[in-house]
Protein backbone atom coordinates (compact mmCIF):
# COMPACT_ATOMS: atom_id res chain seq x y z
CA THR A 1 -12.08 1.77 -22.30
CA GLU A 2 -11.47 -1.96 -22.58
CA GLU A 3 -8.00 -1.31 -24.01
CA ASP A 4 -7.08 0.89 -21.02
CA SER A 5 -8.30 -1.81 -18.62
CA ALA A 6 -6.18 -4.42 -20.39
CA MET A 7 -3.12 -2.18 -20.12
CA GLY A 8 -3.86 -1.71 -16.43
CA LEU A 9 -3.95 -5.47 -15.87
CA LYS A 10 -0.76 -5.93 -17.83
CA GLU A 11 1.01 -3.32 -15.71
CA LEU A 12 -0.28 -4.86 -12.47
CA VAL A 13 0.97 -8.29 -13.50
CA LYS A 14 4.32 -6.85 -14.54
CA GLN A 15 4.71 -5.07 -11.19
CA GLN A 16 3.86 -8.23 -9.27
CA LEU A 17 6.35 -10.25 -11.30
CA GLU A 18 9.07 -7.68 -10.66
CA GLN A 19 8.33 -7.88 -6.93
CA TYR A 20 8.38 -11.70 -7.11
CA PHE A 21 11.79 -11.70 -8.84
CA ASN A 22 13.16 -9.19 -6.31
CA GLU A 23 12.09 -11.47 -3.46
CA LEU A 24 13.93 -14.43 -5.03
CA ASP A 25 17.35 -12.77 -4.54
CA ASP A 26 18.67 -13.74 -8.00
CA GLU A 27 17.39 -17.32 -7.74
CA LEU A 28 15.46 -18.21 -10.90
CA PRO A 29 12.29 -20.31 -10.72
CA LYS A 30 11.96 -23.47 -12.81
CA ASP A 31 8.29 -23.37 -13.77
CA LEU A 32 7.33 -19.72 -13.70
CA TYR A 33 5.01 -19.93 -16.70
CA ASP A 34 2.89 -22.71 -15.17
CA GLN A 35 2.85 -20.96 -11.79
CA VAL A 36 1.69 -17.64 -13.20
CA ILE A 37 -0.88 -19.06 -15.60
CA GLY A 38 -2.33 -21.35 -12.93
CA GLN A 39 -2.62 -18.63 -10.32
CA VAL A 40 -4.01 -16.06 -12.72
CA GLU A 41 -6.52 -18.50 -14.20
CA HIS A 42 -7.75 -19.55 -10.76
CA ALA A 43 -8.18 -15.91 -9.71
CA LEU A 44 -9.90 -15.11 -13.01
CA LEU A 45 -12.40 -17.94 -12.69
CA LEU A 46 -13.12 -17.13 -9.06
CA SER A 47 -13.62 -13.43 -9.80
CA ALA A 48 -16.00 -14.16 -12.68
CA LEU A 49 -17.96 -16.60 -10.54
CA GLU A 50 -18.17 -14.18 -7.62
CA ARG A 51 -19.22 -11.34 -9.93
CA THR A 52 -22.08 -13.44 -11.29
CA GLY A 53 -23.24 -14.86 -7.96
CA PHE A 54 -21.62 -18.20 -8.89
CA ASN A 55 -23.87 -18.56 -11.94
CA GLN A 56 -21.68 -20.74 -14.14
CA SER A 57 -23.45 -19.89 -17.39
CA LYS A 58 -23.07 -16.14 -16.81
CA ALA A 59 -19.47 -16.54 -15.65
CA ALA A 60 -18.62 -18.57 -18.76
CA ASP A 61 -20.28 -15.91 -20.90
CA ILE A 62 -18.24 -13.03 -19.48
CA LEU A 63 -15.07 -15.15 -19.76
CA GLY A 64 -15.85 -15.97 -23.38
CA ILE A 65 -15.68 -19.75 -22.83
CA SER A 66 -18.27 -22.50 -22.79
CA ARG A 67 -19.88 -23.59 -19.55
CA GLY A 68 -18.32 -27.03 -20.08
CA THR A 69 -14.86 -25.52 -20.35
CA LEU A 70 -15.50 -23.46 -17.24
CA ARG A 71 -16.54 -26.58 -15.31
CA THR A 72 -13.49 -28.49 -16.56
CA ARG A 73 -11.19 -25.69 -15.40
CA MET A 74 -13.06 -25.43 -12.08
CA LYS A 75 -12.52 -29.17 -11.49
CA LEU A 76 -8.80 -28.76 -12.25
CA PHE A 77 -8.53 -26.11 -9.54
CA GLY A 78 -10.65 -28.05 -7.05
CA MET A 79 -13.49 -25.56 -7.26
CA LEU A 80 -16.08 -28.32 -7.78
CA SER A 81 -16.67 -31.28 -5.50
């Protein structure tokens, strides 16, 4: 179900964050929120675009955002020339 998939993603992210913290050897990052959100958003956009054959309208639809918002976010991540 969709709820099970969401829990799976949450657990995957949690595991990766635990691994990240372990690799820091007790050093705490300064901008973890921005790092995580930026990397996850980039991966999310890219995955949606790949899944839809880079059809921006379809990718925006499955992401639940407008095509304009998708293009704005793509520009931010250097995904558009």
